[in-house]
Amino acid sequence: MKPKKVAKADKVLGAPASSKESGLADIAETLRALKTKFGDEAIMTLSESRRVDIDVIPTGSIGLDDALGIGGFPRGRIIEIYGPESSGKTTLALHAIAEAQKMNGICAFIDAEHAMDPEYAKNLGVKLEELLISQPDNGEQALEIVESLVRTGKIDVIVIDSVAALTPRDEIEGEMGAHHVGKQARLMSQALRKLTAIVAKSKTVVIFINQIRMQIGVM
């Protein structure tokens, strides 16, 4: 019995040249419709997309700037600085503010913990007279302030200290002992979904400070 002939690999795996050439042409009308509806940059080939040089705010640490690979915190991004208690999270964020101010940038500090030490910030190089500060009453208020500041297009750095202190309004106004499981997580999820697109179109670095918790509910 004669063995069956096996087709060559290029014939089995490769697509005909004509189909490769007509691939994008087949959906050209759909692409045109999408661009008309959503704008020219809504969809394109990778070769057509603009190369964006990432602008950064230095962290204040040469070693960290080098480790990040781009020289600092990228603008138009949401950054999370997290770690154990007293590990230097706020200090790092304040250094970023000081660096932005050196470049004549406008910065804001959302002090949700109500624990900002002006003297310490000043010693790190922060210009207090140029720093916007807010001590919001609840998490919703804090995040609305962040959104409003980003939308101005004029803010360089916004620091939120901290995620743990962004207590939902319902929890603050509710009774002691009432259960509010998952409310803060839902608040943050909603806020980040909204903020991500807004921040991406801005020059703002939004820095959230967060703590590592070993157990649920333990500060």
N, C-alpha and C. Protein backbone atom coordinates (compact mmCIF):
# COMPACT_ATOMS: atom_id res chain seq x y z
N MET A 1 0.84 -1.19 0.00
CA MET A 1 0.00 0.00 0.00
C MET A 1 0.87 1.24 0.00
N LYS A 2 0.61 2.14 -0.95
CA LYS A 2 1.43 3.34 -1.09
C LYS A 2 1.09 4.35 0.00
N PRO A 3 2.13 4.98 0.60
CA PRO A 3 1.87 6.01 1.62
C PRO A 3 1.22 7.23 0.99
N LYS A 4 0.33 7.86 1.78
CA LYS A 4 -0.35 9.06 1.29
C LYS A 4 0.62 10.22 1.23
N LYS A 5 0.43 11.06 0.23
CA LYS A 5 1.28 12.24 0.10
C LYS A 5 0.84 13.30 1.11
N VAL A 6 1.84 13.91 1.72
CA VAL A 6 1.57 14.96 2.70
C VAL A 6 1.76 16.30 2.02
N ALA A 7 0.80 17.18 2.17
CA ALA A 7 0.90 18.51 1.55
C ALA A 7 2.04 19.29 2.17
N LYS A 8 2.65 20.13 1.38
CA LYS A 8 3.73 20.96 1.89
C LYS A 8 3.21 21.93 2.94
N ALA A 9 4.09 22.26 3.89
CA ALA A 9 3.69 23.09 5.02
C ALA A 9 3.17 24.45 4.58
N ASP A 10 3.84 25.01 3.55
CA ASP A 10 3.42 26.36 3.13
C ASP A 10 2.04 26.34 2.51
N LYS A 11 1.65 25.21 1.93
CA LYS A 11 0.32 25.12 1.33
C LYS A 11 -0.74 24.87 2.39
N VAL A 12 -0.33 24.17 3.47
CA VAL A 12 -1.28 23.86 4.52
C VAL A 12 -1.53 25.07 5.41
N LEU A 13 -0.43 25.73 5.84
CA LEU A 13 -0.52 26.81 6.81
C LEU A 13 -0.67 28.18 6.18
N GLY A 14 -0.07 28.40 5.03
CA GLY A 14 -0.08 29.73 4.45
C GLY A 14 -1.38 30.04 3.73
N ALA A 15 -1.78 31.30 3.82
CA ALA A 15 -2.98 31.73 3.10
C ALA A 15 -2.59 32.17 1.71
N PRO A 16 -3.46 32.03 0.72
CA PRO A 16 -3.16 32.47 -0.64
C PRO A 16 -2.82 33.95 -0.65
N ALA A 17 -1.91 34.32 -1.52
CA ALA A 17 -1.45 35.71 -1.59
C ALA A 17 -2.60 36.66 -1.82
N SER A 18 -3.55 36.25 -2.67
CA SER A 18 -4.66 37.14 -3.00
C SER A 18 -5.51 37.46 -1.77
N SER A 19 -5.69 36.45 -0.86
CA SER A 19 -6.50 36.69 0.33
C SER A 19 -5.79 37.62 1.30
N LYS A 20 -4.45 37.53 1.37
CA LYS A 20 -3.69 38.43 2.24
C LYS A 20 -3.83 39.86 1.78
N GLU A 21 -3.76 40.04 0.46
CA GLU A 21 -3.81 41.39 -0.10
C GLU A 21 -5.19 42.01 0.08
N SER A 22 -6.22 41.17 0.03
CA SER A 22 -7.58 41.71 0.11
C SER A 22 -8.14 41.72 1.53
N GLY A 23 -7.35 41.28 2.53
CA GLY A 23 -7.83 41.17 3.91
C GLY A 23 -8.45 42.45 4.44
N LEU A 24 -7.67 43.54 4.50
CA LEU A 24 -8.17 44.81 5.01
C LEU A 24 -9.17 45.45 4.05
N ALA A 25 -8.97 45.20 2.75
CA ALA A 25 -9.88 45.78 1.76
C ALA A 25 -11.30 45.25 1.95
N ASP A 26 -11.40 44.01 2.44
CA ASP A 26 -12.71 43.40 2.65
C ASP A 26 -13.53 44.13 3.72
N ILE A 27 -12.83 44.77 4.66
CA ILE A 27 -13.56 45.46 5.74
C ILE A 27 -13.36 46.97 5.67
N ALA A 28 -12.92 47.45 4.51
CA ALA A 28 -12.64 48.88 4.34
C ALA A 28 -13.87 49.73 4.63
N GLU A 29 -15.03 49.26 4.18
CA GLU A 29 -16.26 50.03 4.39
C GLU A 29 -16.60 50.14 5.88
N THR A 30 -16.39 49.04 6.59
CA THR A 30 -16.64 49.05 8.04
C THR A 30 -15.68 49.99 8.75
N LEU A 31 -14.40 49.97 8.34
CA LEU A 31 -13.41 50.86 8.94
C LEU A 31 -13.76 52.32 8.70
N ARG A 32 -14.20 52.62 7.48
CA ARG A 32 -14.58 54.01 7.17
C ARG A 32 -15.77 54.45 8.02
N ALA A 33 -16.71 53.55 8.20
CA ALA A 33 -17.89 53.88 9.01
C ALA A 33 -17.52 54.14 10.46
N LEU A 34 -16.60 53.32 10.99
CA LEU A 34 -16.16 53.50 12.37
C LEU A 34 -15.43 54.83 12.56
N LYS A 35 -14.57 55.18 11.57
CA LYS A 35 -13.83 56.44 11.66
C LYS A 35 -14.76 57.64 11.54
N THR A 36 -15.78 57.50 10.71
CA THR A 36 -16.76 58.59 10.55
C THR A 36 -17.53 58.80 11.85
N LYS A 37 -17.86 57.69 12.50
CA LYS A 37 -18.68 57.76 13.71
C LYS A 37 -17.88 58.17 14.94
N PHE A 38 -16.65 57.61 15.07
CA PHE A 38 -15.89 57.82 16.30
C PHE A 38 -14.63 58.65 16.14
N GLY A 39 -14.26 59.01 14.91
CA GLY A 39 -13.04 59.78 14.69
C GLY A 39 -11.96 58.95 14.03
N ASP A 40 -11.00 59.64 13.37
CA ASP A 40 -9.96 58.95 12.60
C ASP A 40 -9.08 58.04 13.45
N GLU A 41 -8.93 58.37 14.74
CA GLU A 41 -8.03 57.59 15.59
C GLU A 41 -8.76 56.48 16.33
N ALA A 42 -10.04 56.27 16.01
CA ALA A 42 -10.81 55.23 16.70
C ALA A 42 -10.26 53.85 16.38
N ILE A 43 -9.85 53.65 15.12
CA ILE A 43 -9.27 52.37 14.72
C ILE A 43 -8.31 52.60 13.56
N MET A 44 -7.18 51.94 13.59
CA MET A 44 -6.16 52.10 12.56
C MET A 44 -5.19 50.92 12.65
N THR A 45 -4.32 50.81 11.66
CA THR A 45 -3.28 49.79 11.75
C THR A 45 -2.20 50.32 12.68
N LEU A 46 -1.43 49.41 13.23
CA LEU A 46 -0.41 49.81 14.20
C LEU A 46 0.63 50.72 13.57
N SER A 47 0.91 50.52 12.28
CA SER A 47 1.90 51.36 11.60
C SER A 47 1.41 52.79 11.41
N GLU A 48 0.08 52.99 11.42
CA GLU A 48 -0.50 54.32 11.25
C GLU A 48 -0.56 55.10 12.56
N SER A 49 -0.55 54.38 13.68
CA SER A 49 -0.71 55.06 14.97
C SER A 49 0.49 55.93 15.27
N ARG A 50 0.21 57.03 15.93
CA ARG A 50 1.29 57.96 16.27
C ARG A 50 2.13 57.40 17.40
N ARG A 51 3.42 57.57 17.28
CA ARG A 51 4.29 57.18 18.38
C ARG A 51 4.28 58.31 19.40
N VAL A 52 3.94 57.95 20.63
CA VAL A 52 3.84 58.95 21.68
C VAL A 52 5.06 58.87 22.58
N ASP A 53 5.80 59.97 22.66
CA ASP A 53 6.92 60.03 23.58
C ASP A 53 6.35 60.31 24.97
N ILE A 54 6.62 59.41 25.89
CA ILE A 54 6.04 59.52 27.23
C ILE A 54 6.73 60.61 28.03
N ASP A 55 5.94 61.59 28.45
CA ASP A 55 6.45 62.64 29.31
C ASP A 55 6.33 62.16 30.76
N VAL A 56 7.29 62.51 31.59
CA VAL A 56 7.30 61.98 32.95
C VAL A 56 7.53 63.08 33.99
N ILE A 57 7.18 62.75 35.23
CA ILE A 57 7.54 63.55 36.39
C ILE A 57 8.56 62.73 37.17
N PRO A 58 9.77 63.24 37.39
CA PRO A 58 10.76 62.48 38.16
C PRO A 58 10.25 62.12 39.55
N THR A 59 10.69 61.00 40.06
CA THR A 59 10.25 60.55 41.39
C THR A 59 11.03 61.22 42.51
N GLY A 60 12.15 61.84 42.17
CA GLY A 60 13.01 62.39 43.21
C GLY A 60 14.11 61.43 43.61
N SER A 61 14.08 60.23 43.03
CA SER A 61 15.11 59.22 43.29
C SER A 61 15.69 58.77 41.95
N ILE A 62 16.98 59.03 41.75
CA ILE A 62 17.62 58.65 40.49
C ILE A 62 17.53 57.14 40.27
N GLY A 63 17.74 56.39 41.35
CA GLY A 63 17.68 54.93 41.25
C GLY A 63 16.31 54.43 40.84
N LEU A 64 15.26 55.01 41.42
CA LEU A 64 13.90 54.60 41.07
C LEU A 64 13.54 55.03 39.66
N ASP A 65 13.96 56.24 39.28
CA ASP A 65 13.71 56.70 37.91
C ASP A 65 14.32 55.73 36.90
N ASP A 66 15.53 55.28 37.21
CA ASP A 66 16.22 54.34 36.33
C ASP A 66 15.50 52.99 36.31
N ALA A 67 15.05 52.54 37.48
CA ALA A 67 14.37 51.24 37.57
C ALA A 67 13.04 51.25 36.82
N LEU A 68 12.36 52.39 36.82
CA LEU A 68 11.08 52.49 36.11
C LEU A 68 11.26 52.43 34.60
N GLY A 69 12.47 52.74 34.13
CA GLY A 69 12.78 52.60 32.71
C GLY A 69 12.45 53.78 31.84
N ILE A 70 11.68 54.73 32.36
CA ILE A 70 11.30 55.90 31.55
C ILE A 70 11.68 57.21 32.23
N GLY A 71 12.29 57.11 33.40
CA GLY A 71 12.78 58.32 34.06
C GLY A 71 11.85 58.94 35.07
N GLY A 72 10.77 58.25 35.43
CA GLY A 72 9.86 58.81 36.43
C GLY A 72 8.45 58.28 36.28
N PHE A 73 7.50 59.00 36.88
CA PHE A 73 6.09 58.63 36.77
C PHE A 73 5.52 59.17 35.46
N PRO A 74 4.90 58.33 34.65
CA PRO A 74 4.37 58.79 33.35
C PRO A 74 3.14 59.68 33.51
N ARG A 75 3.10 60.74 32.74
CA ARG A 75 1.92 61.61 32.74
C ARG A 75 0.75 60.89 32.06
N GLY A 76 -0.45 61.29 32.44
CA GLY A 76 -1.63 60.68 31.85
C GLY A 76 -1.89 59.27 32.33
N ARG A 77 -1.37 58.95 33.50
CA ARG A 77 -1.53 57.61 34.05
C ARG A 77 -1.95 57.68 35.52
N ILE A 78 -2.59 56.60 35.98
CA ILE A 78 -2.94 56.46 37.39
C ILE A 78 -1.92 55.52 38.02
N ILE A 79 -1.26 55.99 39.05
CA ILE A 79 -0.20 55.24 39.72
C ILE A 79 -0.66 54.85 41.11
N GLU A 80 -0.30 53.65 41.55
CA GLU A 80 -0.56 53.24 42.93
C GLU A 80 0.76 53.00 43.63
N ILE A 81 0.96 53.70 44.74
CA ILE A 81 2.13 53.45 45.59
C ILE A 81 1.60 52.70 46.82
N TYR A 82 2.03 51.47 46.98
CA TYR A 82 1.51 50.71 48.11
C TYR A 82 2.64 50.04 48.87
N GLY A 83 2.37 49.72 50.13
CA GLY A 83 3.37 49.09 50.97
C GLY A 83 2.91 49.07 52.41
N PRO A 84 3.71 48.49 53.30
CA PRO A 84 3.36 48.45 54.72
C PRO A 84 3.31 49.84 55.33
N GLU A 85 2.78 49.93 56.52
CA GLU A 85 2.71 51.20 57.24
C GLU A 85 4.12 51.75 57.48
N SER A 86 4.28 53.05 57.34
CA SER A 86 5.56 53.75 57.58
C SER A 86 6.68 53.24 56.69
N SER A 87 6.35 52.92 55.44
CA SER A 87 7.38 52.44 54.51
C SER A 87 7.83 53.51 53.53
N GLY A 88 7.34 54.75 53.69
CA GLY A 88 7.80 55.85 52.84
C GLY A 88 6.91 56.16 51.66
N LYS A 89 5.67 55.69 51.68
CA LYS A 89 4.76 55.90 50.54
C LYS A 89 4.44 57.38 50.34
N THR A 90 4.04 58.04 51.41
CA THR A 90 3.71 59.47 51.32
C THR A 90 4.94 60.29 51.01
N THR A 91 6.07 59.90 51.57
CA THR A 91 7.34 60.60 51.30
C THR A 91 7.66 60.57 49.81
N LEU A 92 7.51 59.41 49.18
CA LEU A 92 7.77 59.28 47.75
C LEU A 92 6.83 60.17 46.95
N ALA A 93 5.56 60.19 47.34
CA ALA A 93 4.58 61.02 46.63
C ALA A 93 4.91 62.50 46.77
N LEU A 94 5.34 62.91 47.96
CA LEU A 94 5.70 64.31 48.18
C LEU A 94 6.94 64.70 47.39
N HIS A 95 7.87 63.77 47.23
CA HIS A 95 9.06 64.02 46.39
C HIS A 95 8.63 64.28 44.95
N ALA A 96 7.65 63.50 44.47
CA ALA A 96 7.15 63.70 43.10
C ALA A 96 6.52 65.08 42.95
N ILE A 97 5.80 65.51 43.98
CA ILE A 97 5.22 66.86 43.96
C ILE A 97 6.31 67.91 43.91
N ALA A 98 7.34 67.74 44.72
CA ALA A 98 8.45 68.70 44.74
C ALA A 98 9.13 68.78 43.37
N GLU A 99 9.30 67.62 42.72
CA GLU A 99 9.93 67.61 41.40
C GLU A 99 9.05 68.31 40.37
N ALA A 100 7.75 68.09 40.44
CA ALA A 100 6.84 68.75 39.51
C ALA A 100 6.85 70.26 39.71
N GLN A 101 6.92 70.69 40.96
CA GLN A 101 6.96 72.12 41.25
C GLN A 101 8.24 72.78 40.74
N LYS A 102 9.31 72.01 40.71
CA LYS A 102 10.57 72.54 40.16
C LYS A 102 10.40 72.88 38.68
N MET A 103 9.47 72.18 38.02
CA MET A 103 9.20 72.42 36.60
C MET A 103 8.00 73.35 36.42
N ASN A 104 7.69 74.10 37.49
CA ASN A 104 6.57 75.05 37.49
C ASN A 104 5.22 74.36 37.32
N GLY A 105 5.14 73.12 37.77
CA GLY A 105 3.89 72.39 37.69
C GLY A 105 2.94 72.73 38.83
N ILE A 106 1.66 72.50 38.60
CA ILE A 106 0.63 72.70 39.62
C ILE A 106 0.27 71.35 40.21
N CYS A 107 0.28 71.26 41.54
CA CYS A 107 0.05 69.98 42.21
C CYS A 107 -1.05 70.11 43.26
N ALA A 108 -1.69 68.97 43.55
CA ALA A 108 -2.74 68.93 44.56
C ALA A 108 -2.56 67.70 45.44
N PHE A 109 -2.88 67.86 46.71
CA PHE A 109 -2.77 66.77 47.68
C PHE A 109 -4.14 66.58 48.32
N ILE A 110 -4.75 65.42 48.07
CA ILE A 110 -6.05 65.10 48.65
C ILE A 110 -5.80 64.33 49.94
N ASP A 111 -5.91 65.04 51.06
CA ASP A 111 -5.55 64.48 52.36
C ASP A 111 -6.76 63.82 53.01
N ALA A 112 -7.12 62.65 52.51
CA ALA A 112 -8.28 61.93 53.03
C ALA A 112 -8.05 61.44 54.46
N GLU A 113 -6.78 61.28 54.83
CA GLU A 113 -6.46 60.82 56.18
C GLU A 113 -6.41 61.96 57.19
N HIS A 114 -6.46 63.20 56.69
CA HIS A 114 -6.37 64.39 57.55
C HIS A 114 -5.12 64.32 58.42
N ALA A 115 -4.02 63.94 57.80
CA ALA A 115 -2.78 63.76 58.56
C ALA A 115 -1.58 64.41 57.88
N MET A 116 -1.83 65.33 56.98
CA MET A 116 -0.75 66.00 56.26
C MET A 116 0.10 66.84 57.22
N ASP A 117 1.42 66.67 57.14
CA ASP A 117 2.35 67.43 57.97
C ASP A 117 3.04 68.47 57.09
N PRO A 118 2.61 69.71 57.13
CA PRO A 118 3.17 70.75 56.26
C PRO A 118 4.67 70.94 56.44
N GLU A 119 5.13 70.87 57.67
CA GLU A 119 6.56 71.08 57.94
C GLU A 119 7.40 69.98 57.31
N TYR A 120 6.92 68.75 57.41
CA TYR A 120 7.64 67.63 56.80
C TYR A 120 7.68 67.77 55.29
N ALA A 121 6.54 68.15 54.71
CA ALA A 121 6.48 68.35 53.26
C ALA A 121 7.45 69.45 52.83
N LYS A 122 7.50 70.51 53.61
CA LYS A 122 8.41 71.63 53.30
C LYS A 122 9.87 71.17 53.33
N ASN A 123 10.21 70.33 54.29
CA ASN A 123 11.58 69.82 54.40
C ASN A 123 11.96 68.93 53.22
N LEU A 124 10.96 68.36 52.55
CA LEU A 124 11.22 67.53 51.38
C LEU A 124 11.32 68.35 50.10
N GLY A 125 11.10 69.65 50.23
CA GLY A 125 11.22 70.52 49.06
C GLY A 125 9.91 70.97 48.45
N VAL A 126 8.79 70.63 49.10
CA VAL A 126 7.48 71.04 48.59
C VAL A 126 7.25 72.52 48.89
N LYS A 127 6.80 73.25 47.88
CA LYS A 127 6.47 74.67 48.06
C LYS A 127 5.02 74.75 48.53
N LEU A 128 4.85 74.95 49.83
CA LEU A 128 3.53 74.91 50.44
C LEU A 128 2.59 75.96 49.86
N GLU A 129 3.15 77.14 49.55
CA GLU A 129 2.31 78.23 49.05
C GLU A 129 1.77 77.95 47.66
N GLU A 130 2.32 76.93 46.99
CA GLU A 130 1.87 76.59 45.64
C GLU A 130 1.12 75.26 45.58
N LEU A 131 0.99 74.60 46.72
CA LEU A 131 0.36 73.28 46.75
C LEU A 131 -1.13 73.40 47.12
N LEU A 132 -1.98 72.84 46.26
CA LEU A 132 -3.41 72.78 46.56
C LEU A 132 -3.66 71.61 47.50
N ILE A 133 -4.44 71.83 48.55
CA ILE A 133 -4.73 70.74 49.48
C ILE A 133 -6.22 70.69 49.78
N SER A 134 -6.74 69.48 49.88
CA SER A 134 -8.15 69.27 50.21
C SER A 134 -8.25 68.18 51.26
N GLN A 135 -9.11 68.40 52.23
CA GLN A 135 -9.38 67.39 53.26
C GLN A 135 -10.87 67.04 53.18
N PRO A 136 -11.21 66.16 52.26
CA PRO A 136 -12.62 65.84 51.97
C PRO A 136 -13.33 65.14 53.13
N ASP A 137 -14.66 65.26 53.14
CA ASP A 137 -15.46 64.65 54.19
C ASP A 137 -15.72 63.17 53.95
N ASN A 138 -15.66 62.73 52.70
CA ASN A 138 -15.94 61.33 52.38
C ASN A 138 -15.29 60.96 51.06
N GLY A 139 -15.35 59.68 50.73
CA GLY A 139 -14.70 59.19 49.53
C GLY A 139 -15.26 59.76 48.25
N GLU A 140 -16.58 59.88 48.17
CA GLU A 140 -17.20 60.43 46.96
C GLU A 140 -16.73 61.85 46.70
N GLN A 141 -16.68 62.65 47.77
CA GLN A 141 -16.24 64.04 47.62
C GLN A 141 -14.79 64.10 47.14
N ALA A 142 -13.95 63.26 47.71
CA ALA A 142 -12.53 63.23 47.33
C ALA A 142 -12.37 62.91 45.85
N LEU A 143 -13.09 61.90 45.38
CA LEU A 143 -12.94 61.47 43.99
C LEU A 143 -13.56 62.46 43.01
N GLU A 144 -14.61 63.15 43.44
CA GLU A 144 -15.19 64.20 42.59
C GLU A 144 -14.22 65.37 42.44
N ILE A 145 -13.51 65.69 43.52
CA ILE A 145 -12.50 66.75 43.46
C ILE A 145 -11.39 66.36 42.50
N VAL A 146 -10.94 65.10 42.60
CA VAL A 146 -9.89 64.61 41.70
C VAL A 146 -10.34 64.73 40.25
N GLU A 147 -11.56 64.28 39.96
CA GLU A 147 -12.08 64.34 38.59
C GLU A 147 -12.12 65.78 38.08
N SER A 148 -12.62 66.69 38.90
CA SER A 148 -12.73 68.09 38.49
C SER A 148 -11.37 68.70 38.20
N LEU A 149 -10.38 68.38 39.04
CA LEU A 149 -9.03 68.92 38.84
C LEU A 149 -8.40 68.37 37.56
N VAL A 150 -8.58 67.08 37.31
CA VAL A 150 -8.01 66.48 36.09
C VAL A 150 -8.63 67.11 34.85
N ARG A 151 -9.93 67.35 34.89
CA ARG A 151 -10.64 67.90 33.73
C ARG A 151 -10.17 69.31 33.36
N THR A 152 -9.54 70.02 34.30
CA THR A 152 -9.03 71.36 33.96
C THR A 152 -7.90 71.28 32.95
N GLY A 153 -7.18 70.15 32.95
CA GLY A 153 -6.04 70.00 32.05
C GLY A 153 -4.82 70.79 32.48
N LYS A 154 -4.86 71.34 33.68
CA LYS A 154 -3.77 72.21 34.15
C LYS A 154 -2.96 71.60 35.29
N ILE A 155 -3.43 70.49 35.85
CA ILE A 155 -2.78 69.92 37.02
C ILE A 155 -1.73 68.89 36.59
N ASP A 156 -0.57 68.96 37.22
CA ASP A 156 0.52 68.04 36.88
C ASP A 156 0.53 66.78 37.75
N VAL A 157 0.33 66.95 39.05
CA VAL A 157 0.33 65.81 39.97
C VAL A 157 -0.81 65.95 40.97
N ILE A 158 -1.56 64.85 41.15
CA ILE A 158 -2.56 64.78 42.21
C ILE A 158 -2.25 63.56 43.05
N VAL A 159 -2.10 63.75 44.35
CA VAL A 159 -1.84 62.65 45.27
C VAL A 159 -3.07 62.44 46.14
N ILE A 160 -3.52 61.19 46.24
CA ILE A 160 -4.64 60.85 47.12
C ILE A 160 -4.11 59.98 48.24
N ASP A 161 -4.15 60.49 49.45
CA ASP A 161 -3.59 59.80 50.62
C ASP A 161 -4.71 59.62 51.66
N SER A 162 -5.28 58.46 51.74
CA SER A 162 -4.95 57.25 51.03
C SER A 162 -6.24 56.56 50.61
N VAL A 163 -6.11 55.45 49.87
CA VAL A 163 -7.28 54.68 49.44
C VAL A 163 -8.07 54.19 50.65
N ALA A 164 -7.35 53.76 51.70
CA ALA A 164 -8.00 53.24 52.90
C ALA A 164 -8.89 54.27 53.57
N ALA A 165 -8.56 55.54 53.40
CA ALA A 165 -9.32 56.61 54.06
C ALA A 165 -10.47 57.15 53.21
N LEU A 166 -10.66 56.61 52.01
CA LEU A 166 -11.76 57.05 51.15
C LEU A 166 -13.04 56.34 51.57
N THR A 167 -13.57 56.77 52.69
CA THR A 167 -14.76 56.13 53.26
C THR A 167 -16.03 56.58 52.54
N PRO A 168 -16.86 55.65 52.10
CA PRO A 168 -18.10 56.01 51.41
C PRO A 168 -19.01 56.87 52.28
N ARG A 169 -19.76 57.75 51.65
CA ARG A 169 -20.66 58.66 52.37
C ARG A 169 -21.67 57.89 53.22
N ASP A 170 -22.21 56.79 52.69
CA ASP A 170 -23.20 56.00 53.42
C ASP A 170 -22.65 55.47 54.73
N GLU A 171 -21.38 55.10 54.71
CA GLU A 171 -20.76 54.55 55.92
C GLU A 171 -20.57 55.63 56.97
N ILE A 172 -20.19 56.82 56.54
CA ILE A 172 -19.98 57.92 57.48
C ILE A 172 -21.31 58.38 58.09
N GLU A 173 -22.34 58.44 57.25
CA GLU A 173 -23.64 58.93 57.72
C GLU A 173 -24.48 57.85 58.38
N GLY A 174 -24.06 56.59 58.23
CA GLY A 174 -24.82 55.48 58.82
C GLY A 174 -24.55 55.30 60.30
N GLU A 175 -25.22 54.33 60.89
CA GLU A 175 -25.07 54.06 62.31
C GLU A 175 -23.83 53.23 62.58
N MET A 176 -23.29 53.41 63.78
CA MET A 176 -22.14 52.62 64.22
C MET A 176 -22.54 51.14 64.24
N GLY A 177 -21.66 50.30 63.74
CA GLY A 177 -21.92 48.87 63.76
C GLY A 177 -22.65 48.35 62.54
N ALA A 178 -23.16 49.26 61.71
CA ALA A 178 -23.86 48.83 60.50
C ALA A 178 -22.86 48.22 59.51
N HIS A 179 -23.32 47.23 58.76
CA HIS A 179 -22.43 46.55 57.81
C HIS A 179 -22.39 47.30 56.48
N HIS A 180 -21.18 47.52 55.99
CA HIS A 180 -21.01 48.22 54.71
C HIS A 180 -20.01 47.45 53.84
N VAL A 181 -20.16 46.13 53.83
CA VAL A 181 -19.22 45.27 53.12
C VAL A 181 -19.21 45.58 51.62
N GLY A 182 -18.03 45.83 51.09
CA GLY A 182 -17.86 46.00 49.65
C GLY A 182 -18.17 47.38 49.11
N LYS A 183 -18.66 48.30 49.94
CA LYS A 183 -19.04 49.62 49.43
C LYS A 183 -17.83 50.42 48.94
N GLN A 184 -16.75 50.34 49.70
CA GLN A 184 -15.56 51.09 49.28
C GLN A 184 -14.98 50.51 47.99
N ALA A 185 -14.99 49.19 47.88
CA ALA A 185 -14.48 48.54 46.67
C ALA A 185 -15.30 48.96 45.45
N ARG A 186 -16.62 49.03 45.61
CA ARG A 186 -17.48 49.45 44.50
C ARG A 186 -17.23 50.92 44.14
N LEU A 187 -17.03 51.74 45.18
CA LEU A 187 -16.74 53.16 44.95
C LEU A 187 -15.46 53.33 44.15
N MET A 188 -14.41 52.61 44.53
CA MET A 188 -13.13 52.72 43.84
C MET A 188 -13.21 52.17 42.42
N SER A 189 -13.93 51.07 42.24
CA SER A 189 -14.06 50.49 40.90
C SER A 189 -14.75 51.45 39.96
N GLN A 190 -15.83 52.06 40.44
CA GLN A 190 -16.56 53.02 39.62
C GLN A 190 -15.70 54.23 39.30
N ALA A 191 -14.99 54.74 40.32
CA ALA A 191 -14.16 55.92 40.13
C ALA A 191 -13.03 55.67 39.14
N LEU A 192 -12.38 54.52 39.25
CA LEU A 192 -11.26 54.22 38.36
C LEU A 192 -11.72 54.02 36.92
N ARG A 193 -12.89 53.41 36.74
CA ARG A 193 -13.42 53.26 35.38
C ARG A 193 -13.64 54.63 34.75
N LYS A 194 -14.10 55.56 35.55
CA LYS A 194 -14.38 56.91 35.05
C LYS A 194 -13.11 57.71 34.86
N LEU A 195 -12.19 57.60 35.83
CA LEU A 195 -10.98 58.43 35.80
C LEU A 195 -9.97 57.99 34.74
N THR A 196 -9.89 56.69 34.48
CA THR A 196 -8.84 56.19 33.58
C THR A 196 -8.85 56.89 32.23
N ALA A 197 -10.01 57.00 31.61
CA ALA A 197 -10.10 57.63 30.29
C ALA A 197 -9.81 59.13 30.37
N ILE A 198 -10.29 59.77 31.43
CA ILE A 198 -10.08 61.22 31.59
C ILE A 198 -8.60 61.53 31.80
N VAL A 199 -7.97 60.76 32.68
CA VAL A 199 -6.55 60.98 32.99
C VAL A 199 -5.69 60.71 31.76
N ALA A 200 -6.04 59.70 30.97
CA ALA A 200 -5.25 59.34 29.79
C ALA A 200 -5.17 60.48 28.78
N LYS A 201 -6.18 61.35 28.77
CA LYS A 201 -6.19 62.47 27.82
C LYS A 201 -5.59 63.73 28.42
N SER A 202 -5.04 63.62 29.62
CA SER A 202 -4.49 64.79 30.31
C SER A 202 -2.98 64.65 30.46
N LYS A 203 -2.38 65.64 31.12
CA LYS A 203 -0.94 65.59 31.42
C LYS A 203 -0.73 65.26 32.89
N THR A 204 -1.80 64.84 33.56
CA THR A 204 -1.77 64.65 35.01
C THR A 204 -1.27 63.27 35.41
N VAL A 205 -0.44 63.24 36.46
CA VAL A 205 -0.07 62.00 37.12
C VAL A 205 -0.95 61.91 38.37
N VAL A 206 -1.80 60.89 38.43
CA VAL A 206 -2.66 60.69 39.60
C VAL A 206 -2.07 59.56 40.43
N ILE A 207 -1.70 59.88 41.66
CA ILE A 207 -1.04 58.90 42.53
C ILE A 207 -1.95 58.54 43.70
N PHE A 208 -2.35 57.28 43.75
CA PHE A 208 -3.10 56.76 44.89
C PHE A 208 -2.13 56.07 45.84
N ILE A 209 -2.21 56.41 47.11
CA ILE A 209 -1.40 55.75 48.13
C ILE A 209 -2.28 54.69 48.80
N ASN A 210 -1.73 53.49 48.95
CA ASN A 210 -2.50 52.40 49.53
C ASN A 210 -1.64 51.60 50.49
N GLN A 211 -2.30 50.92 51.39
CA GLN A 211 -1.59 50.11 52.38
C GLN A 211 -1.79 48.63 52.12
N ILE A 212 -0.77 47.86 52.48
CA ILE A 212 -0.90 46.40 52.41
C ILE A 212 -1.58 45.94 53.69
N ARG A 213 -2.61 45.12 53.52
CA ARG A 213 -3.29 44.57 54.68
C ARG A 213 -3.10 43.06 54.72
N MET A 214 -2.81 42.55 55.89
CA MET A 214 -2.65 41.11 56.04
C MET A 214 -4.00 40.42 56.23
N GLN A 215 -4.98 41.16 56.81
CA GLN A 215 -6.30 40.61 57.04
C GLN A 215 -7.35 41.62 56.64
N ILE A 216 -8.51 41.14 56.21
CA ILE A 216 -9.60 42.03 55.83
C ILE A 216 -10.05 42.84 57.03
N GLY A 217 -10.16 44.15 56.84
CA GLY A 217 -10.65 45.01 57.90
C GLY A 217 -9.59 45.50 58.86
N VAL A 218 -8.34 45.05 58.68
CA VAL A 218 -7.27 45.48 59.57
C VAL A 218 -6.53 46.63 58.92
N MET A 219 -6.43 47.77 59.59
CA MET A 219 -5.78 48.95 59.03
C MET A 219 -4.26 48.76 59.00
